[in-house]
Amino acid sequence: MKRRNYLTTVGGIALTPALSLGKTESETEPNPEIEHPALEPLEEVRLAPEEYKRLLPTVIGVEDGTLEVSHNEFKLGVGKLIRSYYSHDPTLRVTYTEKAENQVRAKAGGLFFYPDYLNHAASFLSLFDKRVEYRRKKTERFVFHTYTIDGWRATVRDELGPTEEHSFAVIDNDGISFKSREEKRQHIAQEVTERIFR
């Protein structure tokens, strides 16, 4: 079996898995015939909790230096849930859910990103910190999230509570209504993700 090298380009930037083939406990040299889980797309592998923690980058580079990861673990009906925080303000987090269809997702500034590879979650968080000016403001009725990237700006209004009467965002000075909060979040997450990976 040959080692596969995965290369993904998003907006012209090449993203490669950060982890190369490593040694196993019984080997002295890396074996190119053994495929490393970090080189496999997340949709093709199921990660065990300890494997996830071992393969997730422990440090990410951010605008002011580096941030080290810390893990909070819980046992739920969906197996083990691990929240891996690089920062709490703003939230830069990777969440692993053992039995979920999509085991890994990253969260930054209220937006979710579903990576193709495990280290892409850390890349997303690092780029979010470096490229996005993020502000959050809370009132009695709403929470406002503002994302600014290279002159582009989006302000999202989230109504407090489980449902919204009117899902609304202002993107580049244009007011846009959405059918649901979920549709709005997906749209904004896609817009921000495309811009930070350019």
C-alpha atoms as a PDB file:
ATOM      1  CA  MET A   1       0.000   0.000   0.000  1.00  0.00           C
ATOM      2  CA  LYS A   2       1.445   3.367  -0.942  1.00  0.00           C
ATOM      3  CA  ARG A   3       1.389   6.370   1.349  1.00  0.00           C
ATOM      4  CA  ARG A   4      -1.148   8.930   0.198  1.00  0.00           C
ATOM      5  CA  ASN A   5      -0.309  12.625   0.320  1.00  0.00           C
ATOM      6  CA  TYR A   6      -3.421  14.715   0.606  1.00  0.00           C
ATOM      7  CA  LEU A   7      -3.295  18.287  -0.568  1.00  0.00           C
ATOM      8  CA  THR A   8      -6.267  20.591  -0.353  1.00  0.00           C
ATOM      9  CA  THR A   9      -6.430  24.092  -1.717  1.00  0.00           C
ATOM     10  CA  VAL A  10      -8.922  26.573  -0.392  1.00  0.00           C
ATOM     11  CA  GLY A  11      -8.950  29.961  -2.038  1.00  0.00           C
ATOM     12  CA  GLY A  12      -5.488  29.409  -3.505  1.00  0.00           C
ATOM     13  CA  ILE A  13      -3.790  28.454  -0.214  1.00  0.00           C
ATOM     14  CA  ALA A  14      -2.439  24.930  -0.060  1.00  0.00           C
ATOM     15  CA  LEU A  15      -3.321  23.037   3.087  1.00  0.00           C
ATOM     16  CA  THR A  16      -1.496  19.839   3.887  1.00  0.00           C
ATOM     17  CA  PRO A  17      -1.784  17.665   6.952  1.00  0.00           C
ATOM     18  CA  ALA A  18       0.620  19.060   9.577  1.00  0.00           C
ATOM     19  CA  LEU A  19       1.476  15.669  10.991  1.00  0.00           C
ATOM     20  CA  SER A  20       3.771  13.452   8.996  1.00  0.00           C
ATOM     21  CA  LEU A  21       4.235   9.735   9.329  1.00  0.00           C
ATOM     22  CA  GLY A  22       5.527   9.018  12.811  1.00  0.00           C
ATOM     23  CA  LYS A  23       7.287   6.167  14.507  1.00  0.00           C
ATOM     24  CA  THR A  24       5.380   3.495  16.314  1.00  0.00           C
ATOM     25  CA  GLU A  25       6.664   2.118  19.611  1.00  0.00           C
ATOM     26  CA  SER A  26       8.125  -0.955  17.893  1.00  0.00           C
ATOM     27  CA  GLU A  27       9.837   0.868  15.018  1.00  0.00           C
ATOM     28  CA  THR A  28      13.045   2.845  14.810  1.00  0.00           C
ATOM     29  CA  GLU A  29      12.259   4.444  11.441  1.00  0.00           C
ATOM     30  CA  PRO A  30       8.946   5.712  10.017  1.00  0.00           C
ATOM     31  CA  ASN A  31       7.317   3.079   7.829  1.00  0.00           C
ATOM     32  CA  PRO A  32       5.918   4.622   4.615  1.00  0.00           C
ATOM     33  CA  GLU A  33       3.787   1.508   4.092  1.00  0.00           C
ATOM     34  CA  ILE A  34       1.668   2.321   7.184  1.00  0.00           C
ATOM     35  CA  GLU A  35      -0.831   5.095   6.704  1.00  0.00           C
ATOM     36  CA  HIS A  36      -1.046   7.540   9.586  1.00  0.00           C
ATOM     37  CA  PRO A  37      -4.562   8.573  10.750  1.00  0.00           C
ATOM     38  CA  ALA A  38      -3.575  12.259  10.491  1.00  0.00           C
ATOM     39  CA  LEU A  39      -3.181  11.766   6.736  1.00  0.00           C
ATOM     40  CA  GLU A  40      -6.649  10.296   6.309  1.00  0.00           C
ATOM     41  CA  PRO A  41      -9.706  12.480   5.633  1.00  0.00           C
ATOM     42  CA  LEU A  42     -11.936  12.599   8.716  1.00  0.00           C
ATOM     43  CA  GLU A  43     -14.846  11.223   6.700  1.00  0.00           C
ATOM     44  CA  GLU A  44     -12.847   8.024   6.119  1.00  0.00           C
ATOM     45  CA  VAL A  45     -11.622   7.356   9.680  1.00  0.00           C
ATOM     46  CA  ARG A  46     -13.150   6.974  13.127  1.00  0.00           C
ATOM     47  CA  LEU A  47     -10.931   8.450  15.812  1.00  0.00           C
ATOM     48  CA  ALA A  48     -10.822   7.034  19.326  1.00  0.00           C
ATOM     49  CA  PRO A  49     -10.793   9.687  22.094  1.00  0.00           C
ATOM     50  CA  GLU A  50      -7.114   9.196  23.019  1.00  0.00           C
ATOM     51  CA  GLU A  51      -6.120   9.149  19.352  1.00  0.00           C
ATOM     52  CA  TYR A  52      -7.952  12.462  18.803  1.00  0.00           C
ATOM     53  CA  LYS A  53      -6.098  14.079  21.726  1.00  0.00           C
ATOM     54  CA  ARG A  54      -2.755  12.707  20.529  1.00  0.00           C
ATOM     55  CA  LEU A  55      -3.201  13.869  16.925  1.00  0.00           C
ATOM     56  CA  LEU A  56      -4.719  17.317  17.573  1.00  0.00           C
ATOM     57  CA  PRO A  57      -2.013  20.013  17.376  1.00  0.00           C
ATOM     58  CA  THR A  58      -1.099  21.010  20.946  1.00  0.00           C
ATOM     59  CA  VAL A  59      -0.152  24.584  20.003  1.00  0.00           C
ATOM     60  CA  ILE A  60      -1.441  27.010  17.381  1.00  0.00           C
ATOM     61  CA  GLY A  61       0.198  30.193  16.166  1.00  0.00           C
ATOM     62  CA  VAL A  62      -1.896  33.313  16.685  1.00  0.00           C
ATOM     63  CA  GLU A  63      -1.375  37.035  16.167  1.00  0.00           C
ATOM     64  CA  ASP A  64       0.251  37.548  19.584  1.00  0.00           C
ATOM     65  CA  GLY A  65       2.332  34.355  19.684  1.00  0.00           C
ATOM     66  CA  THR A  66       1.043  30.868  20.404  1.00  0.00           C
ATOM     67  CA  LEU A  67      -1.825  29.254  22.306  1.00  0.00           C
ATOM     68  CA  GLU A  68      -1.638  25.847  23.958  1.00  0.00           C
ATOM     69  CA  VAL A  69      -4.590  23.468  24.009  1.00  0.00           C
ATOM     70  CA  SER A  70      -6.373  22.272  27.153  1.00  0.00           C
ATOM     71  CA  HIS A  71      -8.994  19.494  27.166  1.00  0.00           C
ATOM     72  CA  ASN A  72     -12.276  19.120  29.066  1.00  0.00           C
ATOM     73  CA  GLU A  73     -13.788  15.616  28.864  1.00  0.00           C
ATOM     74  CA  PHE A  74     -17.347  14.416  29.504  1.00  0.00           C
ATOM     75  CA  LYS A  75     -19.139  11.057  29.151  1.00  0.00           C
ATOM     76  CA  LEU A  76     -22.519  11.401  27.453  1.00  0.00           C
ATOM     77  CA  GLY A  77     -25.013   9.274  25.538  1.00  0.00           C
ATOM     78  CA  VAL A  78     -22.964  10.056  22.409  1.00  0.00           C
ATOM     79  CA  GLY A  79     -19.857   8.515  23.964  1.00  0.00           C
ATOM     80  CA  LYS A  80     -17.000  10.682  25.069  1.00  0.00           C
ATOM     81  CA  LEU A  81     -17.204  14.429  24.381  1.00  0.00           C
ATOM     82  CA  ILE A  82     -13.921  16.346  24.432  1.00  0.00           C
ATOM     83  CA  ARG A  83     -13.768  20.130  24.219  1.00  0.00           C
ATOM     84  CA  SER A  84     -10.266  21.278  23.337  1.00  0.00           C
ATOM     85  CA  TYR A  85      -9.775  24.970  24.101  1.00  0.00           C
ATOM     86  CA  TYR A  86      -6.999  27.130  22.729  1.00  0.00           C
ATOM     87  CA  SER A  87      -8.706  30.303  23.993  1.00  0.00           C
ATOM     88  CA  HIS A  88     -11.866  31.196  25.908  1.00  0.00           C
ATOM     89  CA  ASP A  89     -12.117  34.846  24.783  1.00  0.00           C
ATOM     90  CA  PRO A  90     -12.839  34.734  21.960  1.00  0.00           C
ATOM     91  CA  THR A  91     -13.724  31.060  21.993  1.00  0.00           C
ATOM     92  CA  LEU A  92     -11.245  29.083  19.893  1.00  0.00           C
ATOM     93  CA  ARG A  93     -12.282  25.481  20.406  1.00  0.00           C
ATOM     94  CA  VAL A  94     -12.268  22.071  18.744  1.00  0.00           C
ATOM     95  CA  THR A  95     -14.985  19.637  19.830  1.00  0.00           C
ATOM     96  CA  TYR A  96     -14.706  15.864  19.449  1.00  0.00           C
ATOM     97  CA  THR A  97     -17.840  13.701  19.815  1.00  0.00           C
ATOM     98  CA  GLU A  98     -17.016   9.998  19.829  1.00  0.00           C
ATOM     99  CA  LYS A  99     -20.221   8.595  18.289  1.00  0.00           C
ATOM    100  CA  ALA A 100     -21.273  11.541  16.102  1.00  0.00           C
ATOM    101  CA  GLU A 101     -21.317  11.279  12.316  1.00  0.00           C
ATOM    102  CA  ASN A 102     -18.993  14.308  12.118  1.00  0.00           C
ATOM    103  CA  GLN A 103     -16.664  13.622  15.032  1.00  0.00           C
ATOM    104  CA  VAL A 104     -14.728  16.896  14.860  1.00  0.00           C
ATOM    105  CA  ARG A 105     -15.769  20.521  14.523  1.00  0.00           C
ATOM    106  CA  ALA A 106     -14.029  23.795  15.282  1.00  0.00           C
ATOM    107  CA  LYS A 107     -15.712  26.843  16.784  1.00  0.00           C
ATOM    108  CA  ALA A 108     -14.455  30.415  16.630  1.00  0.00           C
ATOM    109  CA  GLY A 109     -16.467  33.521  17.416  1.00  0.00           C
ATOM    110  CA  GLY A 110     -19.752  31.609  17.403  1.00  0.00           C
ATOM    111  CA  LEU A 111     -19.082  30.009  13.983  1.00  0.00           C
ATOM    112  CA  PHE A 112     -18.646  26.293  13.323  1.00  0.00           C
ATOM    113  CA  PHE A 113     -16.182  24.794  10.834  1.00  0.00           C
ATOM    114  CA  TYR A 114     -16.192  21.099   9.872  1.00  0.00           C
ATOM    115  CA  PRO A 115     -12.620  20.239   8.780  1.00  0.00           C
ATOM    116  CA  ASP A 116     -11.557  17.681   6.185  1.00  0.00           C
ATOM    117  CA  TYR A 117      -8.486  16.761   8.257  1.00  0.00           C
ATOM    118  CA  LEU A 118      -7.949  17.051  12.004  1.00  0.00           C
ATOM    119  CA  ASN A 119      -5.184  19.638  11.753  1.00  0.00           C
ATOM    120  CA  HIS A 120      -7.394  21.843   9.526  1.00  0.00           C
ATOM    121  CA  ALA A 121      -9.483  22.545  12.638  1.00  0.00           C
ATOM    122  CA  ALA A 122      -6.420  24.069  14.309  1.00  0.00           C
ATOM    123  CA  SER A 123      -5.519  25.926  11.078  1.00  0.00           C
ATOM    124  CA  PHE A 124      -9.007  27.453  10.980  1.00  0.00           C
ATOM    125  CA  LEU A 125      -8.700  28.673  14.586  1.00  0.00           C
ATOM    126  CA  SER A 126      -5.235  30.100  13.995  1.00  0.00           C
ATOM    127  CA  LEU A 127      -6.317  31.947  10.834  1.00  0.00           C
ATOM    128  CA  PHE A 128      -9.501  33.192  12.528  1.00  0.00           C
ATOM    129  CA  ASP A 129      -7.396  34.747  15.288  1.00  0.00           C
ATOM    130  CA  LYS A 130      -4.916  36.295  12.837  1.00  0.00           C
ATOM    131  CA  ARG A 131      -7.302  37.555  10.157  1.00  0.00           C
ATOM    132  CA  VAL A 132     -10.702  38.241  11.750  1.00  0.00           C
ATOM    133  CA  GLU A 133     -11.499  41.230  13.895  1.00  0.00           C
ATOM    134  CA  TYR A 134     -14.300  39.805  16.010  1.00  0.00           C
ATOM    135  CA  ARG A 135     -16.620  41.633  18.411  1.00  0.00           C
ATOM    136  CA  ARG A 136     -19.522  40.381  20.481  1.00  0.00           C
ATOM    137  CA  LYS A 137     -22.134  42.580  22.130  1.00  0.00           C
ATOM    138  CA  LYS A 138     -25.063  41.402  24.245  1.00  0.00           C
ATOM    139  CA  THR A 139     -28.256  43.325  25.025  1.00  0.00           C
ATOM    140  CA  GLU A 140     -31.365  42.227  26.918  1.00  0.00           C
ATOM    141  CA  ARG A 141     -32.899  40.746  23.767  1.00  0.00           C
ATOM    142  CA  PHE A 142     -30.079  40.141  21.265  1.00  0.00           C
ATOM    143  CA  VAL A 143     -26.470  39.066  20.874  1.00  0.00           C
ATOM    144  CA  PHE A 144     -24.587  40.761  18.034  1.00  0.00           C
ATOM    145  CA  HIS A 145     -21.517  39.163  16.423  1.00  0.00           C
ATOM    146  CA  THR A 146     -19.403  41.334  14.099  1.00  0.00           C
ATOM    147  CA  TYR A 147     -16.739  39.843  11.823  1.00  0.00           C
ATOM    148  CA  THR A 148     -14.361  42.106   9.858  1.00  0.00           C
ATOM    149  CA  ILE A 149     -11.864  40.683   7.355  1.00  0.00           C
ATOM    150  CA  ASP A 150      -9.836  42.934   5.025  1.00  0.00           C
ATOM    151  CA  GLY A 151     -12.587  45.579   4.825  1.00  0.00           C
ATOM    152  CA  TRP A 152     -15.431  43.068   4.475  1.00  0.00           C
ATOM    153  CA  ARG A 153     -17.854  43.122   7.406  1.00  0.00           C
ATOM    154  CA  ALA A 154     -20.782  41.033   8.582  1.00  0.00           C
ATOM    155  CA  THR A 155     -22.915  41.707  11.655  1.00  0.00           C
ATOM    156  CA  VAL A 156     -25.171  38.910  12.843  1.00  0.00           C
ATOM    157  CA  ARG A 157     -28.065  39.457  15.212  1.00  0.00           C
ATOM    158  CA  ASP A 158     -29.051  36.435  17.303  1.00  0.00           C
ATOM    159  CA  GLU A 159     -32.240  36.690  19.310  1.00  0.00           C
ATOM    160  CA  LEU A 160     -31.846  35.288  22.816  1.00  0.00           C
ATOM    161  CA  GLY A 161     -33.896  32.175  23.399  1.00  0.00           C
ATOM    162  CA  PRO A 162     -34.400  28.896  21.543  1.00  0.00           C
ATOM    163  CA  THR A 163     -36.156  30.372  18.482  1.00  0.00           C
ATOM    164  CA  GLU A 164     -36.010  33.573  16.474  1.00  0.00           C
ATOM    165  CA  GLU A 165     -38.928  35.517  15.078  1.00  0.00           C
ATOM    166  CA  HIS A 166     -36.730  37.041  12.402  1.00  0.00           C
ATOM    167  CA  SER A 167     -33.251  35.802  11.440  1.00  0.00           C
ATOM    168  CA  PHE A 168     -31.208  38.730  10.211  1.00  0.00           C
ATOM    169  CA  ALA A 169     -27.656  39.750   9.271  1.00  0.00           C
ATOM    170  CA  VAL A 170     -25.980  42.778   7.699  1.00  0.00           C
ATOM    171  CA  ILE A 171     -23.307  41.759   5.193  1.00  0.00           C
ATOM    172  CA  ASP A 172     -21.285  44.498   3.483  1.00  0.00           C
ATOM    173  CA  ASN A 173     -23.965  47.068   4.431  1.00  0.00           C
ATOM    174  CA  ASP A 174     -26.798  44.976   2.951  1.00  0.00           C
ATOM    175  CA  GLY A 175     -29.499  43.654   5.288  1.00  0.00           C
ATOM    176  CA  ILE A 176     -30.317  40.010   4.599  1.00  0.00           C
ATOM    177  CA  SER A 177     -33.161  37.941   6.069  1.00  0.00           C
ATOM    178  CA  PHE A 178     -32.784  34.192   6.496  1.00  0.00           C
ATOM    179  CA  LYS A 179     -35.398  31.466   6.926  1.00  0.00           C
ATOM    180  CA  SER A 180     -33.791  30.195  10.119  1.00  0.00           C
ATOM    181  CA  ARG A 181     -30.992  30.784  12.584  1.00  0.00           C
ATOM    182  CA  GLU A 182     -29.232  27.674  11.259  1.00  0.00           C
ATOM    183  CA  GLU A 183     -29.315  28.906   7.648  1.00  0.00           C
ATOM    184  CA  LYS A 184     -27.915  32.267   8.780  1.00  0.00           C
ATOM    185  CA  ARG A 185     -25.083  30.661  10.759  1.00  0.00           C
ATOM    186  CA  GLN A 186     -24.130  28.365   7.868  1.00  0.00           C
ATOM    187  CA  HIS A 187     -24.094  31.284   5.421  1.00  0.00           C
ATOM    188  CA  ILE A 188     -21.923  33.484   7.650  1.00  0.00           C
ATOM    189  CA  ALA A 189     -19.579  30.586   8.504  1.00  0.00           C
ATOM    190  CA  GLN A 190     -19.087  29.877   4.787  1.00  0.00           C
ATOM    191  CA  GLU A 191     -18.422  33.559   3.998  1.00  0.00           C
ATOM    192  CA  VAL A 192     -15.887  33.898   6.836  1.00  0.00           C
ATOM    193  CA  THR A 193     -14.183  30.570   6.066  1.00  0.00           C
ATOM    194  CA  GLU A 194     -13.733  31.427   2.376  1.00  0.00           C
ATOM    195  CA  ARG A 195     -12.169  34.765   3.288  1.00  0.00           C
ATOM    196  CA  ILE A 196      -9.759  33.575   5.966  1.00  0.00           C
ATOM    197  CA  PHE A 197      -8.393  30.770   3.763  1.00  0.00           C
ATOM    198  CA  ARG A 198      -7.699  33.137   0.846  1.00  0.00           C
END
